[in-house]
Amino acid sequence: MGYRATLGGETYRFATLADLMAKATPERAGDQLAGIAADSARQRVAAREALADLPLATFVQQALVPYEADEITRLIIDSHDAAAFAPVAHLTVGGFRDWLLGDAATTATLAALAPGLTPEMVAAAAKLMRNQDLLLVASRVRVVTRFRDTIGLPGTLAVRLQPNHPADSPAGIAASILDGLMYGAGDAVIGINPAADSVPAMVQLLHLLDELIARHQIPTQGCVLTHVTNTLQAIRLGAPVDLVFQSIAGTEAANRSFGIGLALLYEAHAAALALKRGPLGDNVMYFETGQGSALSANAHHGVDQQTVEARAYAVARRYRPLLVNTVVGFIGPEYLVDGKQIVRAGLEDHFCGKLLGLPMGCDICYTNHAEADSDDMDNLLVLLASAGLNFMMGVPGADDVMLNYQSTSFHDALFVRQLLGLKRAPEFEAWLQRLGLTDAAGRLLPAPQRPALAASFSPLLDGPPR
């Protein structure tokens, strides 16, 4: 069948729908590595013209990854809500883009539409949009989730407190947690990436988090970001699990390389729900994603990395997560080579995830061998926060000493909240005020010389007796 467009008297042809989508994508190192990117800016524009004329319903009728070979495709097609899709079913991709930018696309309308959209639809629309378009549409979408506090309310921005330590030292982790709490961070989750991949080590960290949260009655949730099978073992051992974490991707083969499938995620979701640990809600999953993960596993099926990333969001929404985090620059310059590509990818991911009904956060980050720096991250932080980002990372000094990459800091969260007038999760904000750490407006107060919160951490900070 194929697709074609004529530009300046020259006709460009695109063999398949996947080829058309890839050629229409903004310049991306990963697509170039895969050999599927546009050969020139002119070819990219021609692909976008052809894509704009494509009926939106094509993505329900044609699968980019074969239905019979991929459980993610089957999930997308089998769960598609035709009634929710009906208001835009007559549009082309270009018409859908224009509709999203119009006055009809209200917060309520977009929420009702979400079950009728497929990842490929929103990825296609993103390819036709400037950065400002992605921001405007995403800013209209609100996705609110709850466990021990409420995340995603209008005018709020939560922070994941990330207290990683290269040796999983309880004293080192506790010091970072205290540091973050004293800066008013941690309302999204206190989430540890463990250095050791063992269930006993994970259980020890889970008890550490649970003890701190319970002792101080902190309205937040803890999570140890380990493989889902480790978390299931921890649950069976009676460990205090709040959230189940897992990295996910947009094809069955890529998820298989992670050692997971939909059935395993369903089992973990059911196990976490059965614990009933969330007093305010039952959003018990935490997923992380990243453009390039499927390509790095040679499991992208010739589909561009932005579209495959959006397909991962179909997996995430199946399990009603508390948090979804696109770790945008973490995989490295082979996939997003510089600050411009990282910024664009972060805006695309946020736009696509929000339209599909997900509580999107972003680890605004880069590796030290990418052509990016903290100024690029400042730009992306302000852009995403302006567009209604649910949560960001809070890493001591923005430098993760265990994962060896650059992210955002507790200070960055203070900056962007002050700049844009954003608040924390309301329950967490009330807790900070009760402790005398913030005032009624959410501003940090001068800390006493030896505040009670710091004093109560002392046994952990001192470490085991020598």
Protein backbone atom coordinates (compact mmCIF):
# COMPACT_ATOMS: atom_id res chain seq x y z
CA MET A 1 0.00 0.00 0.00
CA GLY A 2 2.44 2.65 1.17
CA TYR A 3 2.12 6.40 1.68
CA ARG A 4 3.41 9.35 -0.26
CA ALA A 5 3.60 13.15 -0.32
CA THR A 6 4.83 15.63 -2.90
CA LEU A 7 7.02 18.50 -1.76
CA GLY A 8 8.57 21.05 -4.13
CA GLY A 9 7.79 18.88 -7.14
CA GLU A 10 9.48 15.80 -5.63
CA THR A 11 7.42 12.81 -4.52
CA TYR A 12 8.44 11.00 -1.33
CA ARG A 13 7.21 7.46 -0.65
CA PHE A 14 6.96 5.63 2.66
CA ALA A 15 6.63 1.87 2.51
CA THR A 16 4.71 1.19 5.72
CA LEU A 17 2.90 3.00 8.49
CA ALA A 18 5.89 2.41 10.77
CA ASP A 19 8.17 3.91 8.12
CA LEU A 20 5.92 6.96 7.80
CA MET A 21 5.88 7.48 11.57
CA ALA A 22 9.65 7.12 11.85
CA LYS A 23 10.37 9.55 9.01
CA ALA A 24 7.97 12.13 10.52
CA THR A 25 9.74 12.10 13.89
CA PRO A 26 11.96 15.02 14.94
CA GLU A 27 15.67 14.23 14.62
CA ARG A 28 16.60 11.53 17.12
CA ALA A 29 19.92 9.74 17.64
CA GLY A 30 18.21 6.44 18.42
CA ASP A 31 16.22 6.41 15.18
CA GLN A 32 19.40 7.19 13.26
CA LEU A 33 21.14 4.33 15.05
CA ALA A 34 18.25 2.04 14.06
CA GLY A 35 18.50 3.18 10.42
CA ILE A 36 14.87 4.33 10.28
CA ALA A 37 15.19 8.14 10.56
CA ALA A 38 14.48 10.62 7.78
CA ASP A 39 17.39 11.17 5.42
CA SER A 40 16.82 14.92 5.28
CA ALA A 41 14.71 17.73 6.65
CA ARG A 42 12.74 17.76 3.39
CA GLN A 43 11.87 14.09 3.72
CA ARG A 44 10.82 14.70 7.32
CA VAL A 45 8.47 17.51 6.26
CA ALA A 46 7.02 15.35 3.48
CA ALA A 47 6.38 12.55 5.97
CA ARG A 48 4.58 14.95 8.25
CA GLU A 49 2.38 16.11 5.38
CA ALA A 50 1.41 12.52 4.62
CA LEU A 51 0.88 11.76 8.28
CA ALA A 52 -1.33 14.82 8.74
CA ASP A 53 -3.68 13.52 6.03
CA LEU A 54 -3.91 10.03 7.55
CA PRO A 55 -7.29 9.15 9.13
CA LEU A 56 -6.86 8.84 12.88
CA ALA A 57 -8.87 5.60 12.87
CA THR A 58 -6.08 3.97 10.82
CA PHE A 59 -4.29 3.19 14.09
CA VAL A 60 -7.20 1.02 15.24
CA GLN A 61 -7.20 -0.85 11.94
CA GLN A 62 -3.45 -1.26 11.36
CA ALA A 63 -0.95 -2.37 13.98
CA LEU A 64 2.64 -1.13 13.87
CA VAL A 65 3.70 -4.25 15.76
CA PRO A 66 1.80 -7.38 14.66
CA TYR A 67 -1.22 -8.28 16.79
CA GLU A 68 -0.48 -12.00 16.80
CA ALA A 69 3.16 -11.47 17.85
CA ASP A 70 2.87 -8.88 20.61
CA GLU A 71 0.76 -8.81 23.77
CA ILE A 72 1.11 -5.03 24.04
CA THR A 73 -0.56 -4.63 20.64
CA ARG A 74 -3.30 -7.01 21.77
CA LEU A 75 -3.77 -4.99 24.96
CA ILE A 76 -4.01 -1.74 22.97
CA ILE A 77 -6.51 -3.06 20.41
CA ASP A 78 -8.61 -5.23 22.74
CA SER A 79 -9.01 -2.51 25.38
CA HIS A 80 -9.77 0.31 22.93
CA ASP A 81 -12.95 2.15 23.92
CA ALA A 82 -14.78 2.90 20.66
CA ALA A 83 -17.45 4.97 22.40
CA ALA A 84 -14.86 7.24 24.01
CA PHE A 85 -13.09 7.56 20.63
CA ALA A 86 -16.26 8.51 18.75
CA PRO A 87 -15.99 12.33 19.16
CA VAL A 88 -12.70 12.39 17.19
CA ALA A 89 -13.07 9.23 15.10
CA HIS A 90 -13.80 11.23 11.93
CA LEU A 91 -10.59 13.30 12.14
CA THR A 92 -7.27 12.94 10.38
CA VAL A 93 -4.07 13.08 12.44
CA GLY A 94 -3.68 16.71 11.40
CA GLY A 95 -7.31 17.41 12.26
CA PHE A 96 -6.81 15.79 15.65
CA ARG A 97 -3.81 18.00 16.29
CA ASP A 98 -5.88 21.08 15.46
CA TRP A 99 -8.75 19.85 17.65
CA LEU A 100 -6.40 19.34 20.60
CA LEU A 101 -5.22 22.93 20.28
CA GLY A 102 -8.77 24.28 20.05
CA ASP A 103 -11.20 25.33 22.74
CA ALA A 104 -13.15 22.06 22.62
CA ALA A 105 -10.25 20.18 24.22
CA THR A 106 -11.05 20.99 27.84
CA THR A 107 -9.82 19.15 30.91
CA ALA A 108 -13.09 17.23 31.22
CA THR A 109 -13.26 16.44 27.50
CA LEU A 110 -9.69 15.12 27.42
CA ALA A 111 -10.29 12.94 30.48
CA ALA A 112 -13.34 11.38 28.80
CA LEU A 113 -11.41 10.90 25.55
CA ALA A 114 -8.38 9.13 27.08
CA PRO A 115 -9.75 5.54 26.97
CA GLY A 116 -10.49 6.02 23.27
CA LEU A 117 -6.96 7.02 22.34
CA THR A 118 -4.20 4.60 21.43
CA PRO A 119 -0.50 5.29 22.00
CA GLU A 120 0.08 5.43 18.26
CA MET A 121 -2.57 8.14 17.85
CA VAL A 122 -1.03 10.45 20.43
CA ALA A 123 2.50 9.73 19.18
CA ALA A 124 1.42 10.67 15.66
CA ALA A 125 -0.15 13.93 16.84
CA ALA A 126 3.04 14.76 18.78
CA LYS A 127 5.09 14.47 15.59
CA LEU A 128 3.08 17.31 14.06
CA MET A 129 3.47 19.62 17.04
CA ARG A 130 5.92 22.30 18.05
CA ASN A 131 7.16 22.29 21.63
CA GLN A 132 4.66 24.99 22.60
CA ASP A 133 1.80 22.84 21.26
CA LEU A 134 2.88 19.88 23.40
CA LEU A 135 3.00 22.16 26.44
CA LEU A 136 -0.38 23.77 25.88
CA VAL A 137 -2.29 20.53 25.42
CA ALA A 138 -0.58 18.74 28.30
CA SER A 139 -1.31 21.67 30.62
CA ARG A 140 -5.04 21.04 30.18
CA VAL A 141 -4.84 17.47 31.45
CA ARG A 142 -4.97 16.64 35.15
CA VAL A 143 -4.44 13.09 36.43
CA VAL A 144 -4.86 12.78 40.20
CA THR A 145 -3.70 9.70 42.15
CA ARG A 146 -3.67 8.79 45.84
CA PHE A 147 -1.98 6.49 48.33
CA ARG A 148 -1.04 8.31 51.56
CA ASP A 149 -1.31 11.71 49.94
CA THR A 150 -2.86 13.26 46.84
CA ILE A 151 -0.64 13.80 43.79
CA GLY A 152 -1.47 15.74 40.63
CA LEU A 153 -3.89 18.38 41.88
CA PRO A 154 -3.92 21.65 39.90
CA GLY A 155 -1.20 24.04 41.05
CA THR A 156 0.93 21.33 42.67
CA LEU A 157 4.24 19.66 41.89
CA ALA A 158 5.42 16.68 43.93
CA VAL A 159 9.00 15.43 44.39
CA ARG A 160 10.38 11.93 44.56
CA LEU A 161 13.04 11.95 47.26
CA GLN A 162 15.83 9.76 45.84
CA PRO A 163 18.28 8.89 48.65
CA ASN A 164 20.49 6.39 46.82
CA HIS A 165 23.77 5.18 48.31
CA PRO A 166 26.51 3.17 46.51
CA ALA A 167 26.69 0.65 49.37
CA ASP A 168 23.05 0.81 50.58
CA SER A 169 24.32 2.24 53.86
CA PRO A 170 21.33 2.84 56.19
CA ALA A 171 23.14 5.84 57.67
CA GLY A 172 23.87 7.31 54.23
CA ILE A 173 20.32 6.73 53.02
CA ALA A 174 18.84 8.19 56.22
CA ALA A 175 21.04 11.28 55.87
CA SER A 176 19.76 11.89 52.35
CA ILE A 177 16.15 11.35 53.45
CA LEU A 178 16.57 13.85 56.28
CA ASP A 179 18.20 16.31 53.88
CA GLY A 180 15.28 16.00 51.48
CA LEU A 181 12.60 16.31 54.15
CA MET A 182 14.26 19.41 55.57
CA TYR A 183 13.97 20.94 52.07
CA GLY A 184 10.31 19.94 51.85
CA ALA A 185 10.83 17.13 49.33
CA GLY A 186 9.36 13.64 49.34
CA ASP A 187 5.63 14.00 48.74
CA ALA A 188 5.60 11.84 45.59
CA VAL A 189 7.55 8.95 47.14
CA ILE A 190 10.73 8.20 49.03
CA GLY A 191 12.21 5.87 46.46
CA ILE A 192 15.53 4.03 46.80
CA ASN A 193 17.40 2.44 43.90
CA PRO A 194 19.23 -0.34 45.73
CA ALA A 195 22.84 -1.12 44.92
CA ALA A 196 22.41 -4.77 45.92
CA ASP A 197 20.07 -6.98 43.91
CA SER A 198 18.98 -9.27 46.72
CA VAL A 199 15.69 -9.78 48.50
CA PRO A 200 17.19 -9.65 52.05
CA ALA A 201 18.83 -6.29 51.26
CA MET A 202 15.59 -5.01 49.80
CA VAL A 203 13.57 -6.11 52.82
CA GLN A 204 16.00 -4.28 55.12
CA LEU A 205 15.51 -1.08 53.12
CA LEU A 206 11.73 -1.51 53.12
CA HIS A 207 11.73 -1.77 56.92
CA LEU A 208 13.93 1.34 57.12
CA LEU A 209 11.46 3.34 55.01
CA ASP A 210 8.43 1.98 56.81
CA GLU A 211 9.88 2.78 60.24
CA LEU A 212 10.74 6.36 59.27
CA ILE A 213 7.36 7.02 57.63
CA ALA A 214 5.41 5.49 60.54
CA ARG A 215 7.48 7.06 63.33
CA HIS A 216 7.14 10.56 61.89
CA GLN A 217 3.65 10.01 60.43
CA ILE A 218 4.85 11.28 57.07
CA PRO A 219 2.00 11.38 54.53
CA THR A 220 4.01 9.78 51.75
CA GLN A 221 4.91 6.32 50.48
CA GLY A 222 8.11 4.34 50.33
CA CYS A 223 9.44 2.25 47.48
CA VAL A 224 12.53 0.18 46.76
CA LEU A 225 13.03 0.17 43.01
CA THR A 226 13.92 -3.44 42.40
CA HIS A 227 12.64 -6.07 39.98
CA VAL A 228 8.98 -6.95 40.39
CA THR A 229 9.82 -10.58 41.22
CA ASN A 230 11.91 -9.39 44.17
CA THR A 231 9.00 -7.29 45.39
CA LEU A 232 6.64 -10.25 45.15
CA GLN A 233 9.05 -12.30 47.25
CA ALA A 234 9.25 -9.48 49.78
CA ILE A 235 5.44 -9.36 50.00
CA ARG A 236 5.33 -13.11 50.64
CA LEU A 237 7.88 -12.60 53.43
CA GLY A 238 5.60 -10.03 55.06
CA ALA A 239 7.74 -6.97 54.21
CA PRO A 240 6.01 -3.56 54.35
CA VAL A 241 5.55 -2.85 50.63
CA ASP A 242 3.74 0.36 49.70
CA LEU A 243 4.37 0.54 45.95
CA VAL A 244 5.42 -2.08 43.42
CA PHE A 245 8.04 -0.76 41.02
CA GLN A 246 8.98 -1.96 37.56
CA SER A 247 10.66 -0.60 34.44
CA ILE A 248 8.46 -1.23 31.41
CA ALA A 249 8.74 -0.87 27.63
CA GLY A 250 6.41 -0.74 24.65
CA THR A 251 6.82 -4.19 23.08
CA GLU A 252 6.44 -7.69 24.43
CA ALA A 253 9.98 -8.56 23.39
CA ALA A 254 11.44 -5.53 25.18
CA ASN A 255 9.53 -6.37 28.34
CA ARG A 256 10.71 -9.96 28.05
CA SER A 257 14.28 -8.63 28.10
CA PHE A 258 13.34 -7.01 31.44
CA GLY A 259 12.07 -10.39 32.66
CA ILE A 260 8.42 -9.34 32.79
CA GLY A 261 5.10 -9.73 31.00
CA LEU A 262 1.56 -8.51 31.53
CA ALA A 263 0.57 -11.54 33.61
CA LEU A 264 3.43 -10.94 36.06
CA LEU A 265 2.47 -7.27 36.42
CA TYR A 266 -1.14 -8.30 37.05
CA GLU A 267 0.00 -10.68 39.79
CA ALA A 268 2.10 -7.96 41.44
CA HIS A 269 -0.72 -5.41 41.20
CA ALA A 270 -3.15 -7.80 42.85
CA ALA A 271 -0.66 -8.64 45.62
CA ALA A 272 -0.06 -4.96 46.42
CA LEU A 273 -3.78 -4.17 46.43
CA ALA A 274 -4.36 -7.01 48.89
CA LEU A 275 -2.04 -5.34 51.43
CA LYS A 276 -4.42 -2.35 51.72
CA ARG A 277 -1.67 -0.02 52.96
CA GLY A 278 -2.94 3.18 51.31
CA PRO A 279 -5.37 5.06 53.57
CA LEU A 280 -6.38 7.54 50.84
CA GLY A 281 -6.28 5.46 47.67
CA ASP A 282 -5.31 2.24 45.93
CA ASN A 283 -2.86 3.43 43.28
CA VAL A 284 -0.09 0.99 44.18
CA MET A 285 2.19 0.81 41.12
CA TYR A 286 5.22 2.88 40.14
CA PHE A 287 6.51 2.51 36.57
CA GLU A 288 9.57 3.95 34.86
CA THR A 289 10.13 4.20 31.13
CA GLY A 290 12.58 5.77 28.69
CA GLN A 291 12.92 6.39 24.98
CA GLY A 292 15.39 3.92 23.51
CA SER A 293 14.81 0.98 25.83
CA ALA A 294 13.21 -1.20 23.14
CA LEU A 295 15.94 -0.39 20.63
CA SER A 296 18.64 -1.19 23.19
CA ALA A 297 17.06 -4.67 23.49
CA ASN A 298 16.77 -5.00 19.68
CA ALA A 299 13.01 -5.28 20.26
CA HIS A 300 11.62 -2.20 18.51
CA HIS A 301 10.18 -3.94 15.41
CA GLY A 302 11.34 -1.08 13.19
CA VAL A 303 9.15 1.41 15.09
CA ASP A 304 10.61 4.78 16.09
CA GLN A 305 11.59 5.19 19.73
CA GLN A 306 9.05 7.91 20.56
CA THR A 307 6.15 5.74 19.39
CA VAL A 308 7.47 2.67 21.20
CA GLU A 309 7.77 4.79 24.34
CA ALA A 310 4.13 5.84 24.03
CA ARG A 311 3.16 2.16 23.75
CA ALA A 312 4.73 1.59 27.17
CA TYR A 313 2.09 3.94 28.55
CA ALA A 314 -0.61 1.49 27.43
CA VAL A 315 1.03 -1.04 29.74
CA ALA A 316 1.17 1.47 32.59
CA ARG A 317 -2.47 2.60 32.44
CA ARG A 318 -3.67 -1.00 32.62
CA TYR A 319 -2.60 -1.06 36.30
CA ARG A 320 -3.72 2.43 37.47
CA PRO A 321 -0.30 3.54 38.81
CA LEU A 322 0.37 6.20 41.42
CA LEU A 323 3.41 7.40 39.45
CA VAL A 324 4.80 7.04 35.93
CA ASN A 325 8.29 8.40 35.42
CA THR A 326 9.95 8.93 32.06
CA VAL A 327 13.68 8.83 32.83
CA VAL A 328 14.29 10.94 29.82
CA GLY A 329 18.07 11.28 29.41
CA PHE A 330 19.27 8.28 31.41
CA ILE A 331 19.85 5.71 28.65
CA GLY A 332 22.48 7.90 27.01
CA PRO A 333 23.52 9.82 23.88
CA GLU A 334 23.12 6.80 21.60
CA TYR A 335 19.37 7.51 21.87
CA LEU A 336 19.14 11.22 22.80
CA VAL A 337 22.42 12.85 21.89
CA ASP A 338 22.13 16.37 23.28
CA GLY A 339 20.11 18.84 25.32
CA LYS A 340 17.78 19.70 22.44
CA GLN A 341 16.80 16.07 21.87
CA ILE A 342 16.39 15.43 25.61
CA VAL A 343 14.12 18.46 26.01
CA ARG A 344 11.99 17.47 23.03
CA ALA A 345 11.69 13.87 24.23
CA GLY A 346 10.64 14.99 27.71
CA LEU A 347 7.88 17.18 26.29
CA GLU A 348 6.69 14.39 23.96
CA ASP A 349 6.57 11.82 26.75
CA HIS A 350 4.67 14.12 29.09
CA PHE A 351 2.16 15.03 26.35
CA CYS A 352 1.56 11.42 25.29
CA GLY A 353 1.32 10.04 28.82
CA LYS A 354 -1.09 12.73 29.98
CA LEU A 355 -3.38 12.29 26.95
CA LEU A 356 -3.52 8.56 27.70
CA GLY A 357 -4.61 9.31 31.27
CA LEU A 358 -1.38 8.74 33.18
CA PRO A 359 0.11 10.57 36.21
CA MET A 360 3.30 11.63 34.45
CA GLY A 361 6.50 12.62 36.17
CA CYS A 362 9.93 13.07 34.67
CA ASP A 363 13.45 12.37 35.79
CA ILE A 364 14.93 15.44 34.08
CA CYS A 365 18.39 14.04 33.64
CA TYR A 366 21.43 13.36 31.48
CA THR A 367 24.51 11.17 31.52
CA ASN A 368 27.94 12.72 31.67
CA HIS A 369 28.86 11.67 28.12
CA ALA A 370 25.83 13.40 26.53
CA GLU A 371 26.06 16.86 24.97
CA ALA A 372 23.89 18.36 27.71
CA ASP A 373 24.30 20.26 30.95
CA SER A 374 22.34 21.65 33.89
CA ASP A 375 21.13 24.64 31.87
CA ASP A 376 19.31 22.24 29.54
CA MET A 377 17.75 20.55 32.56
CA ASP A 378 16.67 23.92 33.98
CA ASN A 379 14.91 24.63 30.71
CA LEU A 380 13.10 21.30 30.64
CA LEU A 381 12.14 21.58 34.31
CA VAL A 382 10.45 24.95 33.81
CA LEU A 383 8.72 23.80 30.63
CA LEU A 384 7.34 20.61 32.17
CA ALA A 385 6.31 22.26 35.43
CA SER A 386 4.46 24.88 33.39
CA ALA A 387 2.61 22.08 31.61
CA GLY A 388 1.37 20.35 34.77
CA LEU A 389 4.08 17.80 35.54
CA ASN A 390 2.90 15.58 38.42
CA PHE A 391 6.31 15.05 39.99
CA MET A 392 10.07 15.49 39.56
CA MET A 393 13.20 14.02 41.13
CA GLY A 394 14.91 15.32 44.24
CA VAL A 395 18.51 14.05 44.36
CA PRO A 396 21.07 15.45 46.84
CA GLY A 397 23.09 17.97 44.85
CA ALA A 398 21.42 16.70 41.63
CA ASP A 399 24.25 14.14 41.39
CA ASP A 400 23.26 10.52 41.98
CA VAL A 401 26.32 8.91 43.55
CA MET A 402 25.02 5.38 43.03
CA LEU A 403 23.61 5.53 39.49
CA ASN A 404 26.26 8.03 38.30
CA TYR A 405 24.08 10.44 36.37
CA GLN A 406 22.88 14.04 36.72
CA SER A 407 19.30 14.77 37.73
CA THR A 408 17.44 17.53 39.62
CA SER A 409 17.96 18.55 43.24
CA PHE A 410 15.91 19.57 46.27
CA HIS A 411 16.98 23.13 45.50
CA ASP A 412 15.65 22.84 41.94
CA ALA A 413 12.24 21.92 43.34
CA LEU A 414 12.27 25.00 45.60
CA PHE A 415 13.23 27.16 42.62
CA VAL A 416 10.50 25.98 40.27
CA ARG A 417 7.82 26.07 42.96
CA GLN A 418 8.73 29.66 43.80
CA LEU A 419 8.94 30.64 40.12
CA LEU A 420 5.56 29.19 39.16
CA GLY A 421 3.70 29.38 42.48
CA LEU A 422 3.35 25.60 42.81
CA LYS A 423 2.53 23.80 46.04
CA ARG A 424 3.27 20.35 47.44
CA ALA A 425 0.72 17.60 47.92
CA PRO A 426 -1.73 19.08 50.45
CA GLU A 427 -1.35 16.37 53.10
CA PHE A 428 2.43 16.60 52.93
CA GLU A 429 2.34 20.40 53.06
CA ALA A 430 0.19 20.26 56.20
CA TRP A 431 2.69 17.85 57.79
CA LEU A 432 5.61 20.19 57.05
CA GLN A 433 3.70 23.06 58.64
CA ARG A 434 2.95 21.03 61.77
CA LEU A 435 6.68 20.36 62.14
CA GLY A 436 7.49 24.04 61.69
CA LEU A 437 9.49 23.47 58.51
CA THR A 438 7.26 25.60 56.25
CA ASP A 439 4.88 28.50 56.73
CA ALA A 440 1.26 28.72 55.59
CA ALA A 441 2.40 29.69 52.09
CA GLY A 442 4.69 26.65 51.80
CA ARG A 443 7.94 28.60 52.18
CA LEU A 444 10.77 26.98 54.13
CA LEU A 445 11.27 28.49 57.57
CA PRO A 446 14.70 28.98 59.19
CA ALA A 447 15.54 25.66 60.80
CA PRO A 448 16.20 25.51 64.56
CA GLN A 449 19.72 24.63 65.53
CA ARG A 450 18.71 21.08 66.45
CA PRO A 451 15.20 20.45 65.09
CA ALA A 452 13.21 17.55 66.46
CA LEU A 453 13.14 15.85 63.07
CA ALA A 454 16.93 15.83 62.83
CA ALA A 455 17.29 14.69 66.42
CA SER A 456 15.05 11.69 65.82
CA PHE A 457 17.25 10.62 62.89
CA SER A 458 20.39 10.64 65.03
CA PRO A 459 20.48 6.91 65.85
CA LEU A 460 20.42 6.08 62.16
CA LEU A 461 22.90 8.78 61.19
CA ASP A 462 25.38 7.64 63.81
CA GLY A 463 25.38 4.17 62.26
CA PRO A 464 26.04 0.87 64.08
CA PRO A 465 28.31 0.91 67.13
CA ARG A 466 31.98 0.27 66.40
